[in-house]
Amino acid sequence: MQLGAFSISLAVKDLAASRAFYEQFGFTAFGGDAAQNWLILKNGDHLIGLFQGMFEKNTLTFNPGWDSDARPVEAFTDVRELQRQLKAQGVPLTVEADEATQGPAFFMALDPDGNPVLVDQHR
């Protein structure tokens, strides 16, 4: 199962303070919009999303169709197919992608400890 690019999406209280903290570890702004309270930071292949007021909990995020530089990859497994595979294995989903659609979609699950797992396809 190929899930695409991986990042951790952090629910932060103060976007500027979190950005400054992670910049000390060598992360730099890679995407997002601070005016909208979210940024994506990158250090090598490592990605951290900072989201102020958008998520209740830190979330593991996978992006089918993207590499770690947010560039489209030619071949990837569509989010709806990933959803079908996980459901066939008995994985309960908290949010499901609409199987009748194409293109961007997402689904969510909770791991055994209650950590959200987001599979978010942007193309």
PDB file of N, CA and C in Angstrom:
ATOM      1  N   MET A   1       0.854  -1.172   0.000  1.00  0.00           N
ATOM      2  CA  MET A   1       0.000   0.000   0.000  1.00  0.00           C
ATOM      3  C   MET A   1       0.899   1.235   0.000  1.00  0.00           C
ATOM      4  N   GLN A   2       0.790   2.022  -1.046  1.00  0.00           N
ATOM      5  CA  GLN A   2       1.575   3.247  -1.148  1.00  0.00           C
ATOM      6  C   GLN A   2       0.708   4.427  -0.737  1.00  0.00           C
ATOM      7  N   LEU A   3       1.105   5.103   0.334  1.00  0.00           N
ATOM      8  CA  LEU A   3       0.301   6.176   0.902  1.00  0.00           C
ATOM      9  C   LEU A   3       0.736   7.566   0.464  1.00  0.00           C
ATOM     10  N   GLY A   4       1.857   7.689  -0.215  1.00  0.00           N
ATOM     11  CA  GLY A   4       2.334   8.996  -0.654  1.00  0.00           C
ATOM     12  C   GLY A   4       3.193   9.677   0.390  1.00  0.00           C
ATOM     13  N   ALA A   5       3.360  10.975   0.241  1.00  0.00           N
ATOM     14  CA  ALA A   5       4.207  11.768   1.136  1.00  0.00           C
ATOM     15  C   ALA A   5       3.653  11.710   2.561  1.00  0.00           C
ATOM     16  N   PHE A   6       4.555  11.689   3.538  1.00  0.00           N
ATOM     17  CA  PHE A   6       4.167  11.653   4.951  1.00  0.00           C
ATOM     18  C   PHE A   6       4.579  12.944   5.638  1.00  0.00           C
ATOM     19  N   SER A   7       3.705  13.433   6.505  1.00  0.00           N
ATOM     20  CA  SER A   7       4.048  14.559   7.378  1.00  0.00           C
ATOM     21  C   SER A   7       3.266  14.410   8.669  1.00  0.00           C
ATOM     22  N   ILE A   8       3.687  15.138   9.646  1.00  0.00           N
ATOM     23  CA  ILE A   8       2.931  15.245  10.887  1.00  0.00           C
ATOM     24  C   ILE A   8       2.281  16.616  10.875  1.00  0.00           C
ATOM     25  N   SER A   9       0.985  16.655  11.119  1.00  0.00           N
ATOM     26  CA  SER A   9       0.252  17.914  11.176  1.00  0.00           C
ATOM     27  C   SER A   9       0.049  18.248  12.644  1.00  0.00           C
ATOM     28  N   LEU A  10       0.685  19.315  13.098  1.00  0.00           N
ATOM     29  CA  LEU A  10       0.641  19.681  14.504  1.00  0.00           C
ATOM     30  C   LEU A  10      -0.432  20.732  14.768  1.00  0.00           C
ATOM     31  N   ALA A  11      -1.233  20.483  15.782  1.00  0.00           N
ATOM     32  CA  ALA A  11      -2.217  21.456  16.254  1.00  0.00           C
ATOM     33  C   ALA A  11      -1.474  22.402  17.194  1.00  0.00           C
ATOM     34  N   VAL A  12      -1.179  23.610  16.722  1.00  0.00           N
ATOM     35  CA  VAL A  12      -0.357  24.537  17.503  1.00  0.00           C
ATOM     36  C   VAL A  12      -1.207  25.672  18.074  1.00  0.00           C
ATOM     37  N   LYS A  13      -0.740  26.215  19.186  1.00  0.00           N
ATOM     38  CA  LYS A  13      -1.438  27.331  19.837  1.00  0.00           C
ATOM     39  C   LYS A  13      -1.007  28.674  19.280  1.00  0.00           C
ATOM     40  N   ASP A  14       0.269  28.760  18.869  1.00  0.00           N
ATOM     41  CA  ASP A  14       0.831  30.020  18.382  1.00  0.00           C
ATOM     42  C   ASP A  14       1.700  29.704  17.171  1.00  0.00           C
ATOM     43  N   LEU A  15       1.181  29.979  15.983  1.00  0.00           N
ATOM     44  CA  LEU A  15       1.869  29.638  14.743  1.00  0.00           C
ATOM     45  C   LEU A  15       3.268  30.241  14.679  1.00  0.00           C
ATOM     46  N   ALA A  16       3.400  31.512  15.007  1.00  0.00           N
ATOM     47  CA  ALA A  16       4.703  32.187  14.930  1.00  0.00           C
ATOM     48  C   ALA A  16       5.705  31.567  15.892  1.00  0.00           C
ATOM     49  N   ALA A  17       5.275  31.264  17.111  1.00  0.00           N
ATOM     50  CA  ALA A  17       6.177  30.659  18.093  1.00  0.00           C
ATOM     51  C   ALA A  17       6.608  29.263  17.648  1.00  0.00           C
ATOM     52  N   SER A  18       5.670  28.492  17.103  1.00  0.00           N
ATOM     53  CA  SER A  18       5.999  27.141  16.637  1.00  0.00           C
ATOM     54  C   SER A  18       6.940  27.204  15.438  1.00  0.00           C
ATOM     55  N   ARG A  19       6.680  28.126  14.530  1.00  0.00           N
ATOM     56  CA  ARG A  19       7.563  28.283  13.372  1.00  0.00           C
ATOM     57  C   ARG A  19       8.980  28.616  13.836  1.00  0.00           C
ATOM     58  N   ALA A  20       9.115  29.577  14.734  1.00  0.00           N
ATOM     59  CA  ALA A  20      10.440  29.970  15.235  1.00  0.00           C
ATOM     60  C   ALA A  20      11.135  28.793  15.911  1.00  0.00           C
ATOM     61  N   PHE A  21      10.382  28.005  16.674  1.00  0.00           N
ATOM     62  CA  PHE A  21      10.959  26.844  17.354  1.00  0.00           C
ATOM     63  C   PHE A  21      11.517  25.846  16.344  1.00  0.00           C
ATOM     64  N   TYR A  22      10.722  25.456  15.359  1.00  0.00           N
ATOM     65  CA  TYR A  22      11.166  24.450  14.394  1.00  0.00           C
ATOM     66  C   TYR A  22      12.232  24.985  13.440  1.00  0.00           C
ATOM     67  N   GLU A  23      12.269  26.290  13.227  1.00  0.00           N
ATOM     68  CA  GLU A  23      13.350  26.863  12.424  1.00  0.00           C
ATOM     69  C   GLU A  23      14.692  26.674  13.120  1.00  0.00           C
ATOM     70  N   GLN A  24      14.708  26.620  14.441  1.00  0.00           N
ATOM     71  CA  GLN A  24      15.941  26.356  15.178  1.00  0.00           C
ATOM     72  C   GLN A  24      16.466  24.946  14.907  1.00  0.00           C
ATOM     73  N   PHE A  25      15.596  24.051  14.471  1.00  0.00           N
ATOM     74  CA  PHE A  25      15.987  22.693  14.115  1.00  0.00           C
ATOM     75  C   PHE A  25      16.325  22.573  12.636  1.00  0.00           C
ATOM     76  N   GLY A  26      16.341  23.672  11.919  1.00  0.00           N
ATOM     77  CA  GLY A  26      16.701  23.667  10.509  1.00  0.00           C
ATOM     78  C   GLY A  26      15.533  23.581   9.545  1.00  0.00           C
ATOM     79  N   PHE A  27      14.306  23.641  10.040  1.00  0.00           N
ATOM     80  CA  PHE A  27      13.154  23.636   9.152  1.00  0.00           C
ATOM     81  C   PHE A  27      12.962  25.021   8.550  1.00  0.00           C
ATOM     82  N   THR A  28      12.484  25.058   7.303  1.00  0.00           N
ATOM     83  CA  THR A  28      12.168  26.326   6.639  1.00  0.00           C
ATOM     84  C   THR A  28      10.754  26.238   6.071  1.00  0.00           C
ATOM     85  N   ALA A  29      10.130  27.379   5.915  1.00  0.00           N
ATOM     86  CA  ALA A  29       8.775  27.413   5.352  1.00  0.00           C
ATOM     87  C   ALA A  29       8.821  26.888   3.923  1.00  0.00           C
ATOM     88  N   PHE A  30       7.907  26.001   3.621  1.00  0.00           N
ATOM     89  CA  PHE A  30       7.866  25.328   2.326  1.00  0.00           C
ATOM     90  C   PHE A  30       6.544  25.590   1.606  1.00  0.00           C
ATOM     91  N   GLY A  31       5.510  25.835   2.369  1.00  0.00           N
ATOM     92  CA  GLY A  31       4.197  26.061   1.793  1.00  0.00           C
ATOM     93  C   GLY A  31       3.243  26.563   2.850  1.00  0.00           C
ATOM     94  N   GLY A  32       2.026  26.784   2.446  1.00  0.00           N
ATOM     95  CA  GLY A  32       1.012  27.244   3.378  1.00  0.00           C
ATOM     96  C   GLY A  32       0.837  28.740   3.324  1.00  0.00           C
ATOM     97  N   ASP A  33       0.092  29.246   4.310  1.00  0.00           N
ATOM     98  CA  ASP A  33      -0.223  30.664   4.362  1.00  0.00           C
ATOM     99  C   ASP A  33      -0.387  31.078   5.819  1.00  0.00           C
ATOM    100  N   ALA A  34       0.598  31.772   6.352  1.00  0.00           N
ATOM    101  CA  ALA A  34       0.558  32.194   7.753  1.00  0.00           C
ATOM    102  C   ALA A  34      -0.674  33.053   8.036  1.00  0.00           C
ATOM    103  N   ALA A  35      -1.118  33.835   7.063  1.00  0.00           N
ATOM    104  CA  ALA A  35      -2.306  34.668   7.255  1.00  0.00           C
ATOM    105  C   ALA A  35      -3.566  33.825   7.447  1.00  0.00           C
ATOM    106  N   GLN A  36      -3.523  32.581   6.974  1.00  0.00           N
ATOM    107  CA  GLN A  36      -4.639  31.648   7.156  1.00  0.00           C
ATOM    108  C   GLN A  36      -4.367  30.661   8.295  1.00  0.00           C
ATOM    109  N   ASN A  37      -3.308  30.914   9.062  1.00  0.00           N
ATOM    110  CA  ASN A  37      -2.952  30.125  10.249  1.00  0.00           C
ATOM    111  C   ASN A  37      -2.445  28.717   9.956  1.00  0.00           C
ATOM    112  N   TRP A  38      -1.756  28.543   8.823  1.00  0.00           N
ATOM    113  CA  TRP A  38      -1.128  27.249   8.579  1.00  0.00           C
ATOM    114  C   TRP A  38       0.119  27.410   7.719  1.00  0.00           C
ATOM    115  N   LEU A  39       1.111  26.575   8.033  1.00  0.00           N
ATOM    116  CA  LEU A  39       2.367  26.545   7.291  1.00  0.00           C
ATOM    117  C   LEU A  39       2.857  25.102   7.187  1.00  0.00           C
ATOM    118  N   ILE A  40       3.568  24.814   6.111  1.00  0.00           N
ATOM    119  CA  ILE A  40       4.266  23.545   5.967  1.00  0.00           C
ATOM    120  C   ILE A  40       5.755  23.867   6.041  1.00  0.00           C
ATOM    121  N   LEU A  41       6.463  23.196   6.933  1.00  0.00           N
ATOM    122  CA  LEU A  41       7.902  23.380   7.106  1.00  0.00           C
ATOM    123  C   LEU A  41       8.620  22.134   6.617  1.00  0.00           C
ATOM    124  N   LYS A  42       9.820  22.330   6.096  1.00  0.00           N
ATOM    125  CA  LYS A  42      10.578  21.220   5.514  1.00  0.00           C
ATOM    126  C   LYS A  42      12.025  21.281   5.964  1.00  0.00           C
ATOM    127  N   ASN A  43      12.579  20.113   6.217  1.00  0.00           N
ATOM    128  CA  ASN A  43      13.999  19.934   6.506  1.00  0.00           C
ATOM    129  C   ASN A  43      14.397  18.640   5.821  1.00  0.00           C
ATOM    130  N   GLY A  44      15.076  18.745   4.683  1.00  0.00           N
ATOM    131  CA  GLY A  44      15.372  17.541   3.895  1.00  0.00           C
ATOM    132  C   GLY A  44      14.075  16.921   3.420  1.00  0.00           C
ATOM    133  N   ASP A  45      13.893  15.641   3.706  1.00  0.00           N
ATOM    134  CA  ASP A  45      12.658  14.949   3.339  1.00  0.00           C
ATOM    135  C   ASP A  45      11.601  15.012   4.433  1.00  0.00           C
ATOM    136  N   HIS A  46      11.894  15.698   5.533  1.00  0.00           N
ATOM    137  CA  HIS A  46      10.988  15.743   6.680  1.00  0.00           C
ATOM    138  C   HIS A  46      10.044  16.936   6.569  1.00  0.00           C
ATOM    139  N   LEU A  47       8.763  16.664   6.763  1.00  0.00           N
ATOM    140  CA  LEU A  47       7.741  17.689   6.660  1.00  0.00           C
ATOM    141  C   LEU A  47       6.951  17.786   7.957  1.00  0.00           C
ATOM    142  N   ILE A  48       6.696  19.012   8.372  1.00  0.00           N
ATOM    143  CA  ILE A  48       5.841  19.288   9.525  1.00  0.00           C
ATOM    144  C   ILE A  48       4.827  20.331   9.089  1.00  0.00           C
ATOM    145  N   GLY A  49       3.560  20.037   9.309  1.00  0.00           N
ATOM    146  CA  GLY A  49       2.512  21.020   9.082  1.00  0.00           C
ATOM    147  C   GLY A  49       2.153  21.667  10.407  1.00  0.00           C
ATOM    148  N   LEU A  50       2.083  22.987  10.441  1.00  0.00           N
ATOM    149  CA  LEU A  50       1.673  23.725  11.631  1.00  0.00           C
ATOM    150  C   LEU A  50       0.298  24.314  11.348  1.00  0.00           C
ATOM    151  N   PHE A  51      -0.674  23.965  12.193  1.00  0.00           N
ATOM    152  CA  PHE A  51      -2.059  24.380  11.972  1.00  0.00           C
ATOM    153  C   PHE A  51      -2.612  24.975  13.257  1.00  0.00           C
ATOM    154  N   GLN A  52      -2.825  26.278  13.249  1.00  0.00           N
ATOM    155  CA  GLN A  52      -3.359  26.965  14.428  1.00  0.00           C
ATOM    156  C   GLN A  52      -4.873  27.049  14.314  1.00  0.00           C
ATOM    157  N   GLY A  53      -5.571  26.431  15.255  1.00  0.00           N
ATOM    158  CA  GLY A  53      -7.028  26.501  15.294  1.00  0.00           C
ATOM    159  C   GLY A  53      -7.746  25.649  14.271  1.00  0.00           C
ATOM    160  N   MET A  54      -7.067  24.703  13.640  1.00  0.00           N
ATOM    161  CA  MET A  54      -7.706  23.883  12.607  1.00  0.00           C
ATOM    162  C   MET A  54      -7.944  22.446  13.040  1.00  0.00           C
ATOM    163  N   PHE A  55      -7.070  21.908  13.873  1.00  0.00           N
ATOM    164  CA  PHE A  55      -7.185  20.526  14.332  1.00  0.00           C
ATOM    165  C   PHE A  55      -7.220  20.502  15.849  1.00  0.00           C
ATOM    166  N   GLU A  56      -7.930  19.539  16.409  1.00  0.00           N
ATOM    167  CA  GLU A  56      -7.942  19.372  17.851  1.00  0.00           C
ATOM    168  C   GLU A  56      -6.705  18.614  18.325  1.00  0.00           C
ATOM    169  N   LYS A  57      -6.216  17.692  17.506  1.00  0.00           N
ATOM    170  CA  LYS A  57      -5.095  16.837  17.887  1.00  0.00           C
ATOM    171  C   LYS A  57      -4.052  16.827  16.777  1.00  0.00           C
ATOM    172  N   ASN A  58      -2.832  16.491  17.156  1.00  0.00           N
ATOM    173  CA  ASN A  58      -1.801  16.245  16.157  1.00  0.00           C
ATOM    174  C   ASN A  58      -2.258  15.082  15.288  1.00  0.00           C
ATOM    175  N   THR A  59      -1.939  15.144  13.997  1.00  0.00           N
ATOM    176  CA  THR A  59      -2.468  14.178  13.040  1.00  0.00           C
ATOM    177  C   THR A  59      -1.362  13.667  12.127  1.00  0.00           C
ATOM    178  N   LEU A  60      -1.320  12.346  11.943  1.00  0.00           N
ATOM    179  CA  LEU A  60      -0.430  11.746  10.952  1.00  0.00           C
ATOM    180  C   LEU A  60      -1.076  11.963   9.590  1.00  0.00           C
ATOM    181  N   THR A  61      -0.331  12.498   8.629  1.00  0.00           N
ATOM    182  CA  THR A  61      -0.911  12.847   7.337  1.00  0.00           C
ATOM    183  C   THR A  61      -0.147  12.171   6.202  1.00  0.00           C
ATOM    184  N   PHE A  62      -0.897  11.578   5.285  1.00  0.00           N
ATOM    185  CA  PHE A  62      -0.342  10.968   4.080  1.00  0.00           C
ATOM    186  C   PHE A  62      -1.012  11.620   2.881  1.00  0.00           C
ATOM    187  N   ASN A  63      -0.222  11.889   1.834  1.00  0.00           N
ATOM    188  CA  ASN A  63      -0.743  12.548   0.629  1.00  0.00           C
ATOM    189  C   ASN A  63      -0.473  11.689  -0.608  1.00  0.00           C
ATOM    190  N   PRO A  64      -1.429  10.824  -0.981  1.00  0.00           N
ATOM    191  CA  PRO A  64      -1.261  10.054  -2.218  1.00  0.00           C
ATOM    192  C   PRO A  64      -1.098  10.989  -3.414  1.00  0.00           C
ATOM    193  N   GLY A  65      -0.196  10.612  -4.320  1.00  0.00           N
ATOM    194  CA  GLY A  65       0.013  11.393  -5.529  1.00  0.00           C
ATOM    195  C   GLY A  65       1.080  12.457  -5.413  1.00  0.00           C
ATOM    196  N   TRP A  66       1.662  12.604  -4.227  1.00  0.00           N
ATOM    197  CA  TRP A  66       2.734  13.596  -4.016  1.00  0.00           C
ATOM    198  C   TRP A  66       3.991  12.922  -3.497  1.00  0.00           C
ATOM    199  N   ASP A  67       5.140  13.521  -3.852  1.00  0.00           N
ATOM    200  CA  ASP A  67       6.385  13.143  -3.187  1.00  0.00           C
ATOM    201  C   ASP A  67       6.628  14.134  -2.045  1.00  0.00           C
ATOM    202  N   SER A  68       7.757  14.016  -1.367  1.00  0.00           N
ATOM    203  CA  SER A  68       8.012  14.867  -0.195  1.00  0.00           C
ATOM    204  C   SER A  68       8.266  16.332  -0.545  1.00  0.00           C
ATOM    205  N   ASP A  69       8.347  16.645  -1.838  1.00  0.00           N
ATOM    206  CA  ASP A  69       8.470  18.035  -2.271  1.00  0.00           C
ATOM    207  C   ASP A  69       7.150  18.570  -2.810  1.00  0.00           C
ATOM    208  N   ALA A  70       6.050  17.845  -2.541  1.00  0.00           N
ATOM    209  CA  ALA A  70       4.705  18.206  -3.010  1.00  0.00           C
ATOM    210  C   ALA A  70       4.634  18.252  -4.530  1.00  0.00           C
ATOM    211  N   ARG A  71       5.476  17.446  -5.166  1.00  0.00           N
ATOM    212  CA  ARG A  71       5.436  17.314  -6.627  1.00  0.00           C
ATOM    213  C   ARG A  71       4.589  16.100  -6.973  1.00  0.00           C
ATOM    214  N   PRO A  72       3.777  16.201  -8.011  1.00  0.00           N
ATOM    215  CA  PRO A  72       2.973  15.045  -8.404  1.00  0.00           C
ATOM    216  C   PRO A  72       3.866  13.873  -8.818  1.00  0.00           C
ATOM    217  N   VAL A  73       3.465  12.678  -8.422  1.00  0.00           N
ATOM    218  CA  VAL A  73       4.134  11.466  -8.879  1.00  0.00           C
ATOM    219  C   VAL A  73       3.258  10.842  -9.959  1.00  0.00           C
ATOM    220  N   GLU A  74       3.897  10.199 -10.933  1.00  0.00           N
ATOM    221  CA  GLU A  74       3.160   9.681 -12.083  1.00  0.00           C
ATOM    222  C   GLU A  74       2.172   8.590 -11.679  1.00  0.00           C
ATOM    223  N   ALA A  75       2.657   7.592 -10.984  1.00  0.00           N
ATOM    224  CA  ALA A  75       1.800   6.470 -10.599  1.00  0.00           C
ATOM    225  C   ALA A  75       1.559   6.508  -9.091  1.00  0.00           C
ATOM    226  N   PHE A  76       0.287   6.413  -8.705  1.00  0.00           N
ATOM    227  CA  PHE A  76      -0.050   6.371  -7.286  1.00  0.00           C
ATOM    228  C   PHE A  76      -1.395   5.692  -7.117  1.00  0.00           C
ATOM    229  N   THR A  77      -1.648   5.229  -5.919  1.00  0.00           N
ATOM    230  CA  THR A  77      -2.924   4.585  -5.605  1.00  0.00           C
ATOM    231  C   THR A  77      -3.909   5.654  -5.157  1.00  0.00           C
ATOM    232  N   ASP A  78      -5.041   5.718  -5.824  1.00  0.00           N
ATOM    233  CA  ASP A  78      -6.060   6.713  -5.518  1.00  0.00           C
ATOM    234  C   ASP A  78      -6.574   6.518  -4.090  1.00  0.00           C
ATOM    235  N   VAL A  79      -6.913   7.623  -3.454  1.00  0.00           N
ATOM    236  CA  VAL A  79      -7.366   7.611  -2.069  1.00  0.00           C
ATOM    237  C   VAL A  79      -8.590   6.711  -1.877  1.00  0.00           C
ATOM    238  N   ARG A  80      -9.470   6.649  -2.880  1.00  0.00           N
ATOM    239  CA  ARG A  80     -10.659   5.804  -2.763  1.00  0.00           C
ATOM    240  C   ARG A  80     -10.299   4.325  -2.777  1.00  0.00           C
ATOM    241  N   GLU A  81      -9.262   3.959  -3.543  1.00  0.00           N
ATOM    242  CA  GLU A  81      -8.793   2.569  -3.549  1.00  0.00           C
ATOM    243  C   GLU A  81      -8.134   2.233  -2.207  1.00  0.00           C
ATOM    244  N   LEU A  82      -7.348   3.144  -1.675  1.00  0.00           N
ATOM    245  CA  LEU A  82      -6.753   2.922  -0.353  1.00  0.00           C
ATOM    246  C   LEU A  82      -7.853   2.723   0.691  1.00  0.00           C
ATOM    247  N   GLN A  83      -8.886   3.543   0.606  1.00  0.00           N
ATOM    248  CA  GLN A  83     -10.014   3.437   1.524  1.00  0.00           C
ATOM    249  C   GLN A  83     -10.665   2.059   1.413  1.00  0.00           C
ATOM    250  N   ARG A  84     -10.906   1.592   0.172  1.00  0.00           N
ATOM    251  CA  ARG A  84     -11.520   0.271  -0.029  1.00  0.00           C
ATOM    252  C   ARG A  84     -10.660  -0.828   0.581  1.00  0.00           C
ATOM    253  N   GLN A  85      -9.340  -0.738   0.382  1.00  0.00           N
ATOM    254  CA  GLN A  85      -8.433  -1.757   0.924  1.00  0.00           C
ATOM    255  C   GLN A  85      -8.478  -1.782   2.455  1.00  0.00           C
ATOM    256  N   LEU A  86      -8.473  -0.618   3.064  1.00  0.00           N
ATOM    257  CA  LEU A  86      -8.491  -0.561   4.531  1.00  0.00           C
ATOM    258  C   LEU A  86      -9.831  -1.046   5.083  1.00  0.00           C
ATOM    259  N   LYS A  87     -10.913  -0.657   4.451  1.00  0.00           N
ATOM    260  CA  LYS A  87     -12.234  -1.115   4.900  1.00  0.00           C
ATOM    261  C   LYS A  87     -12.355  -2.632   4.764  1.00  0.00           C
ATOM    262  N   ALA A  88     -11.786  -3.200   3.696  1.00  0.00           N
ATOM    263  CA  ALA A  88     -11.824  -4.652   3.498  1.00  0.00           C
ATOM    264  C   ALA A  88     -11.059  -5.383   4.599  1.00  0.00           C
ATOM    265  N   GLN A  89     -10.082  -4.686   5.192  1.00  0.00           N
ATOM    266  CA  GLN A  89      -9.318  -5.268   6.293  1.00  0.00           C
ATOM    267  C   GLN A  89      -9.977  -5.010   7.652  1.00  0.00           C
ATOM    268  N   GLY A  90     -11.110  -4.321   7.638  1.00  0.00           N
ATOM    269  CA  GLY A  90     -11.836  -4.068   8.873  1.00  0.00           C
ATOM    270  C   GLY A  90     -11.411  -2.822   9.617  1.00  0.00           C
ATOM    271  N   VAL A  91     -10.658  -1.940   8.967  1.00  0.00           N
ATOM    272  CA  VAL A  91     -10.238  -0.691   9.613  1.00  0.00           C
ATOM    273  C   VAL A  91     -11.433   0.261   9.647  1.00  0.00           C
ATOM    274  N   PRO A  92     -11.864   0.678  10.851  1.00  0.00           N
ATOM    275  CA  PRO A  92     -12.975   1.633  10.912  1.00  0.00           C
ATOM    276  C   PRO A  92     -12.496   3.040  10.527  1.00  0.00           C
ATOM    277  N   LEU A  93     -13.289   3.714   9.721  1.00  0.00           N
ATOM    278  CA  LEU A  93     -12.953   5.067   9.290  1.00  0.00           C
ATOM    279  C   LEU A  93     -13.894   6.053   9.978  1.00  0.00           C
ATOM    280  N   THR A  94     -13.344   7.196  10.378  1.00  0.00           N
ATOM    281  CA  THR A  94     -14.163   8.223  11.029  1.00  0.00           C
ATOM    282  C   THR A  94     -14.762   9.182  10.007  1.00  0.00           C
ATOM    283  N   VAL A  95     -14.094   9.333   8.874  1.00  0.00           N
ATOM    284  CA  VAL A  95     -14.576  10.134   7.738  1.00  0.00           C
ATOM    285  C   VAL A  95     -14.218   9.345   6.495  1.00  0.00           C
ATOM    286  N   GLU A  96     -15.148   9.269   5.549  1.00  0.00           N
ATOM    287  CA  GLU A  96     -14.893   8.525   4.322  1.00  0.00           C
ATOM    288  C   GLU A  96     -14.924   9.439   3.103  1.00  0.00           C
ATOM    289  N   ALA A  97     -14.073   9.100   2.125  1.00  0.00           N
ATOM    290  CA  ALA A  97     -14.104   9.782   0.829  1.00  0.00           C
ATOM    291  C   ALA A  97     -15.317   9.284   0.054  1.00  0.00           C
ATOM    292  N   ASP A  98     -15.909  10.160  -0.732  1.00  0.00           N
ATOM    293  CA  ASP A  98     -17.038   9.789  -1.574  1.00  0.00           C
ATOM    294  C   ASP A  98     -16.512   8.956  -2.735  1.00  0.00           C
ATOM    295  N   GLU A  99     -16.914   7.696  -2.781  1.00  0.00           N
ATOM    296  CA  GLU A  99     -16.414   6.764  -3.799  1.00  0.00           C
ATOM    297  C   GLU A  99     -16.903   7.110  -5.205  1.00  0.00           C
ATOM    298  N   ALA A 100     -17.919   7.944  -5.319  1.00  0.00           N
ATOM    299  CA  ALA A 100     -18.470   8.302  -6.627  1.00  0.00           C
ATOM    300  C   ALA A 100     -17.710   9.461  -7.270  1.00  0.00           C
ATOM    301  N   THR A 101     -16.707  10.000  -6.570  1.00  0.00           N
ATOM    302  CA  THR A 101     -15.966  11.150  -7.096  1.00  0.00           C
ATOM    303  C   THR A 101     -14.617  10.725  -7.647  1.00  0.00           C
ATOM    304  N   GLN A 102     -13.943  11.678  -8.280  1.00  0.00           N
ATOM    305  CA  GLN A 102     -12.568  11.517  -8.738  1.00  0.00           C
ATOM    306  C   GLN A 102     -11.788  12.731  -8.287  1.00  0.00           C
ATOM    307  N   GLY A 103     -10.463  12.624  -8.269  1.00  0.00           N
ATOM    308  CA  GLY A 103      -9.625  13.759  -7.917  1.00  0.00           C
ATOM    309  C   GLY A 103      -9.492  13.921  -6.415  1.00  0.00           C
ATOM    310  N   PRO A 104      -9.373  15.172  -5.950  1.00  0.00           N
ATOM    311  CA  PRO A 104      -9.119  15.419  -4.531  1.00  0.00           C
ATOM    312  C   PRO A 104     -10.190  14.797  -3.625  1.00  0.00           C
ATOM    313  N   ALA A 105      -9.722  14.175  -2.550  1.00  0.00           N
ATOM    314  CA  ALA A 105     -10.614  13.577  -1.553  1.00  0.00           C
ATOM    315  C   ALA A 105      -9.760  13.162  -0.364  1.00  0.00           C
ATOM    316  N   PHE A 106     -10.424  12.851   0.747  1.00  0.00           N
ATOM    317  CA  PHE A 106      -9.691  12.383   1.918  1.00  0.00           C
ATOM    318  C   PHE A 106     -10.561  11.463   2.753  1.00  0.00           C
ATOM    319  N   PHE A 107      -9.872  10.666   3.593  1.00  0.00           N
ATOM    320  CA  PHE A 107     -10.555   9.896   4.620  1.00  0.00           C
ATOM    321  C   PHE A 107      -9.710   9.949   5.878  1.00  0.00           C
ATOM    322  N   MET A 108     -10.337   9.602   6.994  1.00  0.00           N
ATOM    323  CA  MET A 108      -9.638   9.617   8.284  1.00  0.00           C
ATOM    324  C   MET A 108      -9.956   8.353   9.067  1.00  0.00           C
ATOM    325  N   ALA A 109      -8.990   7.961   9.891  1.00  0.00           N
ATOM    326  CA  ALA A 109      -9.151   6.861  10.832  1.00  0.00           C
ATOM    327  C   ALA A 109      -8.477   7.277  12.129  1.00  0.00           C
ATOM    328  N   LEU A 110      -8.743   6.533  13.177  1.00  0.00           N
ATOM    329  CA  LEU A 110      -8.043   6.726  14.446  1.00  0.00           C
ATOM    330  C   LEU A 110      -7.236   5.481  14.738  1.00  0.00           C
ATOM    331  N   ASP A 111      -5.972   5.661  15.130  1.00  0.00           N
ATOM    332  CA  ASP A 111      -5.176   4.500  15.510  1.00  0.00           C
ATOM    333  C   ASP A 111      -5.648   4.005  16.883  1.00  0.00           C
ATOM    334  N   PRO A 112      -5.112   2.881  17.372  1.00  0.00           N
ATOM    335  CA  PRO A 112      -5.598   2.329  18.642  1.00  0.00           C
ATOM    336  C   PRO A 112      -5.470   3.271  19.835  1.00  0.00           C
ATOM    337  N   ASP A 113      -4.611   4.274  19.737  1.00  0.00           N
ATOM    338  CA  ASP A 113      -4.433   5.231  20.831  1.00  0.00           C
ATOM    339  C   ASP A 113      -5.218   6.518  20.613  1.00  0.00           C
ATOM    340  N   GLY A 114      -6.036   6.556  19.579  1.00  0.00           N
ATOM    341  CA  GLY A 114      -6.854   7.730  19.314  1.00  0.00           C
ATOM    342  C   GLY A 114      -6.177   8.801  18.491  1.00  0.00           C
ATOM    343  N   ASN A 115      -5.001   8.498  17.921  1.00  0.00           N
ATOM    344  CA  ASN A 115      -4.313   9.470  17.071  1.00  0.00           C
ATOM    345  C   ASN A 115      -4.966   9.497  15.691  1.00  0.00           C
ATOM    346  N   PRO A 116      -5.352  10.669  15.203  1.00  0.00           N
ATOM    347  CA  PRO A 116      -5.955  10.753  13.874  1.00  0.00           C
ATOM    348  C   PRO A 116      -4.939  10.442  12.776  1.00  0.00           C
ATOM    349  N   VAL A 117      -5.400   9.717  11.778  1.00  0.00           N
ATOM    350  CA  VAL A 117      -4.620   9.423  10.580  1.00  0.00           C
ATOM    351  C   VAL A 117      -5.428   9.959   9.404  1.00  0.00           C
ATOM    352  N   LEU A 118      -4.852  10.918   8.694  1.00  0.00           N
ATOM    353  CA  LEU A 118      -5.513  11.573   7.570  1.00  0.00           C
ATOM    354  C   LEU A 118      -4.830  11.129   6.279  1.00  0.00           C
ATOM    355  N   VAL A 119      -5.610  10.633   5.327  1.00  0.00           N
ATOM    356  CA  VAL A 119      -5.101  10.323   3.991  1.00  0.00           C
ATOM    357  C   VAL A 119      -5.788  11.323   3.073  1.00  0.00           C
ATOM    358  N   ASP A 120      -5.004  12.280   2.562  1.00  0.00           N
ATOM    359  CA  ASP A 120      -5.519  13.481   1.919  1.00  0.00           C
ATOM    360  C   ASP A 120      -4.904  13.635   0.536  1.00  0.00           C
ATOM    361  N   GLN A 121      -5.696  13.332  -0.496  1.00  0.00           N
ATOM    362  CA  GLN A 121      -5.227  13.411  -1.878  1.00  0.00           C
ATOM    363  C   GLN A 121      -5.616  14.767  -2.455  1.00  0.00           C
ATOM    364  N   HIS A 122      -4.649  15.473  -3.029  1.00  0.00           N
ATOM    365  CA  HIS A 122      -4.879  16.830  -3.533  1.00  0.00           C
ATOM    366  C   HIS A 122      -5.076  16.917  -5.045  1.00  0.00           C
ATOM    367  N   ARG A 123      -4.979  15.799  -5.746  1.00  0.00           N
ATOM    368  CA  ARG A 123      -5.159  15.845  -7.206  1.00  0.00           C
ATOM    369  C   ARG A 123      -5.920  14.657  -7.698  1.00  0.00           C
TER     370      ARG A 123
END
